[in-house]
Amino acid sequence: MARILLYVLPLALAIYALVDFATDDDVERTSVPKLAWIFIIIVLPIAGPLAWLVVAKIARPRRTARQPGTWGRGPASRYSRPAPRQPMRPDDDQEFLRHWAADQTLREHERRQREAAEGAEGNGAADSGDQPPPAGPGPNSNGPS
């Protein structure tokens, strides 16, 4: 059993260190290049992964408490997402009410214009006593009457 641990422990430590290295957002904060860290972790069985874990722990800034709606490696993670918006009742949403009122005003204005146009068409000849007759035949007339 102890013999198996001599092989499995360094391998597990190296895999853990490589995964931690690969998922780290700020690898450039250390003075050692990325390729060198991979080489160190793989070639030095126990010292390489331990060196990476120690350097990464020291170099990492302290994590603050995560904000609601974030996940991953902290509040400013590349995996962060905005908090889900809670549904509102329509009468509590001021933007909805503004749009609704503007829409109602526009519909009322269009309705009044339609009624005025229909009223003008229906009463065209009877109510136009003070207006002079059009000059020449209109587009719907069949000639002189």
Protein backbone atom coordinates (compact mmCIF):
# COMPACT_ATOMS: atom_id res chain seq x y z
CA MET A 1 0.00 0.00 0.00
CA ALA A 2 2.81 2.41 0.85
CA ARG A 3 4.42 1.60 -2.48
CA ILE A 4 1.30 2.63 -4.35
CA LEU A 5 1.17 5.93 -2.46
CA LEU A 6 4.74 6.68 -3.54
CA TYR A 7 3.54 6.72 -7.15
CA VAL A 8 -0.04 7.98 -6.79
CA LEU A 9 0.64 10.90 -4.42
CA PRO A 10 3.15 12.75 -6.67
CA LEU A 11 0.96 12.07 -9.71
CA ALA A 12 -2.17 13.37 -7.98
CA LEU A 13 -0.28 16.41 -6.71
CA ALA A 14 1.06 17.14 -10.21
CA ILE A 15 -2.42 16.80 -11.76
CA TYR A 16 -3.90 19.07 -9.10
CA ALA A 17 -1.15 21.66 -9.64
CA LEU A 18 -1.57 21.54 -13.44
CA VAL A 19 -5.33 22.01 -13.17
CA ASP A 20 -4.84 24.88 -10.73
CA PHE A 21 -2.25 26.40 -13.07
CA ALA A 22 -4.54 26.04 -16.10
CA THR A 23 -7.54 27.61 -14.36
CA ASP A 24 -5.57 30.48 -12.80
CA ASP A 25 -6.50 33.84 -14.32
CA ASP A 26 -3.30 35.71 -13.48
CA VAL A 27 -0.40 33.39 -14.27
CA GLU A 28 1.66 36.35 -15.52
CA ARG A 29 1.86 37.86 -12.05
CA THR A 30 4.83 35.60 -11.26
CA SER A 31 8.21 36.27 -12.85
CA VAL A 32 8.44 32.74 -14.29
CA PRO A 33 6.92 32.18 -17.79
CA LYS A 34 3.98 29.83 -18.27
CA LEU A 35 5.90 27.19 -20.17
CA ALA A 36 8.55 27.10 -17.45
CA TRP A 37 5.88 26.47 -14.80
CA ILE A 38 4.48 23.56 -16.79
CA PHE A 39 7.98 22.14 -17.12
CA ILE A 40 8.69 22.60 -13.39
CA ILE A 41 5.40 20.97 -12.35
CA ILE A 42 5.91 17.95 -14.61
CA VAL A 43 9.66 17.34 -14.22
CA LEU A 44 10.04 17.89 -10.47
CA PRO A 45 7.66 15.25 -9.03
CA ILE A 46 6.86 16.72 -5.61
CA ALA A 47 8.83 19.95 -5.45
CA GLY A 48 7.38 21.36 -8.70
CA PRO A 49 3.69 21.11 -7.79
CA LEU A 50 4.40 22.29 -4.23
CA ALA A 51 6.40 25.25 -5.58
CA TRP A 52 3.51 26.24 -7.85
CA LEU A 53 0.95 25.94 -5.05
CA VAL A 54 3.07 28.02 -2.67
CA VAL A 55 3.90 30.71 -5.24
CA ALA A 56 0.32 30.87 -6.47
CA LYS A 57 -1.01 31.15 -2.91
CA ILE A 58 1.43 33.96 -2.05
CA ALA A 59 0.92 35.81 -5.31
CA ARG A 60 -2.88 35.57 -5.29
CA PRO A 61 -4.65 38.59 -3.91
CA ARG A 62 -6.97 38.03 -1.03
CA ARG A 63 -10.37 37.06 -2.27
CA THR A 64 -13.21 39.19 -1.13
CA ALA A 65 -16.63 37.84 -0.44
CA ARG A 66 -18.41 36.93 -3.63
CA GLN A 67 -21.12 39.19 -4.85
CA PRO A 68 -24.56 37.70 -5.43
CA GLY A 69 -24.93 36.33 -8.92
CA THR A 70 -21.25 35.50 -9.44
CA TRP A 71 -19.57 32.16 -9.62
CA GLY A 72 -16.12 30.94 -10.47
CA ARG A 73 -12.96 32.31 -8.87
CA GLY A 74 -14.23 35.45 -7.19
CA PRO A 75 -16.28 38.54 -7.85
CA ALA A 76 -14.33 39.78 -10.87
CA SER A 77 -14.05 36.42 -12.53
CA ARG A 78 -14.33 35.91 -16.24
CA TYR A 79 -17.18 33.59 -15.31
CA SER A 80 -19.14 36.24 -13.47
CA ARG A 81 -22.69 36.94 -14.56
CA PRO A 82 -25.18 39.58 -13.54
CA ALA A 83 -27.60 38.80 -10.79
CA PRO A 84 -30.94 37.63 -12.09
CA ARG A 85 -33.51 40.38 -12.27
CA GLN A 86 -36.54 39.83 -10.11
CA PRO A 87 -39.85 40.01 -11.96
CA MET A 88 -41.88 43.14 -11.26
CA ARG A 89 -45.57 43.73 -11.30
CA PRO A 90 -46.46 46.02 -14.22
CA ASP A 91 -47.83 48.74 -11.96
CA ASP A 92 -44.51 48.88 -10.04
CA ASP A 93 -42.34 49.23 -13.14
CA GLN A 94 -42.00 52.95 -13.93
CA GLU A 95 -40.51 52.35 -17.38
CA PHE A 96 -43.42 50.10 -18.31
CA LEU A 97 -45.90 52.71 -17.11
CA ARG A 98 -44.21 55.45 -19.16
CA HIS A 99 -44.30 53.33 -22.31
CA TRP A 100 -47.90 52.32 -21.66
CA ALA A 101 -49.01 55.92 -21.13
CA ALA A 102 -47.22 57.04 -24.31
CA ASP A 103 -48.82 54.19 -26.25
CA GLN A 104 -52.28 55.08 -24.90
CA THR A 105 -51.77 58.75 -25.82
CA LEU A 106 -50.68 57.79 -29.34
CA ARG A 107 -53.68 55.46 -29.81
CA GLU A 108 -56.06 58.16 -28.58
CA HIS A 109 -54.50 60.71 -30.96
CA GLU A 110 -54.77 58.28 -33.90
CA ARG A 111 -58.41 57.51 -33.01
CA ARG A 112 -59.28 61.23 -32.97
CA GLN A 113 -57.56 61.73 -36.33
CA ARG A 114 -59.48 58.81 -37.85
CA GLU A 115 -62.79 60.16 -36.49
CA ALA A 116 -62.00 63.63 -37.82
CA ALA A 117 -61.07 62.22 -41.24
CA GLU A 118 -64.22 60.07 -41.37
CA GLY A 119 -66.34 63.03 -40.30
CA ALA A 120 -64.80 65.23 -42.99
CA GLU A 121 -65.39 62.58 -45.68
CA GLY A 122 -69.00 61.93 -44.62
CA ASN A 123 -69.95 65.61 -44.48
CA GLY A 124 -67.75 66.73 -47.35
CA ALA A 125 -70.23 68.46 -49.73
CA ALA A 126 -72.92 69.34 -47.17
CA ASP A 127 -70.70 71.15 -44.70
CA SER A 128 -68.41 72.87 -47.16
CA GLY A 129 -70.68 75.84 -47.97
CA ASP A 130 -68.00 78.38 -47.15
CA GLN A 131 -65.35 76.62 -49.24
CA PRO A 132 -65.17 77.23 -52.99
CA PRO A 133 -65.71 74.21 -55.27
CA PRO A 134 -62.54 72.60 -56.59
CA ALA A 135 -61.24 73.89 -59.88
CA GLY A 136 -61.60 71.38 -62.72
CA PRO A 137 -62.83 67.82 -62.58
CA GLY A 138 -61.65 65.68 -59.68
CA PRO A 139 -59.96 62.33 -60.01
CA ASN A 140 -63.26 60.45 -59.40
CA SER A 141 -65.47 62.44 -61.74
CA ASN A 142 -66.46 61.14 -65.16
CA GLY A 143 -66.47 64.47 -66.87
CA PRO A 144 -68.56 67.68 -66.70
CA SER A 145 -71.91 67.39 -64.99
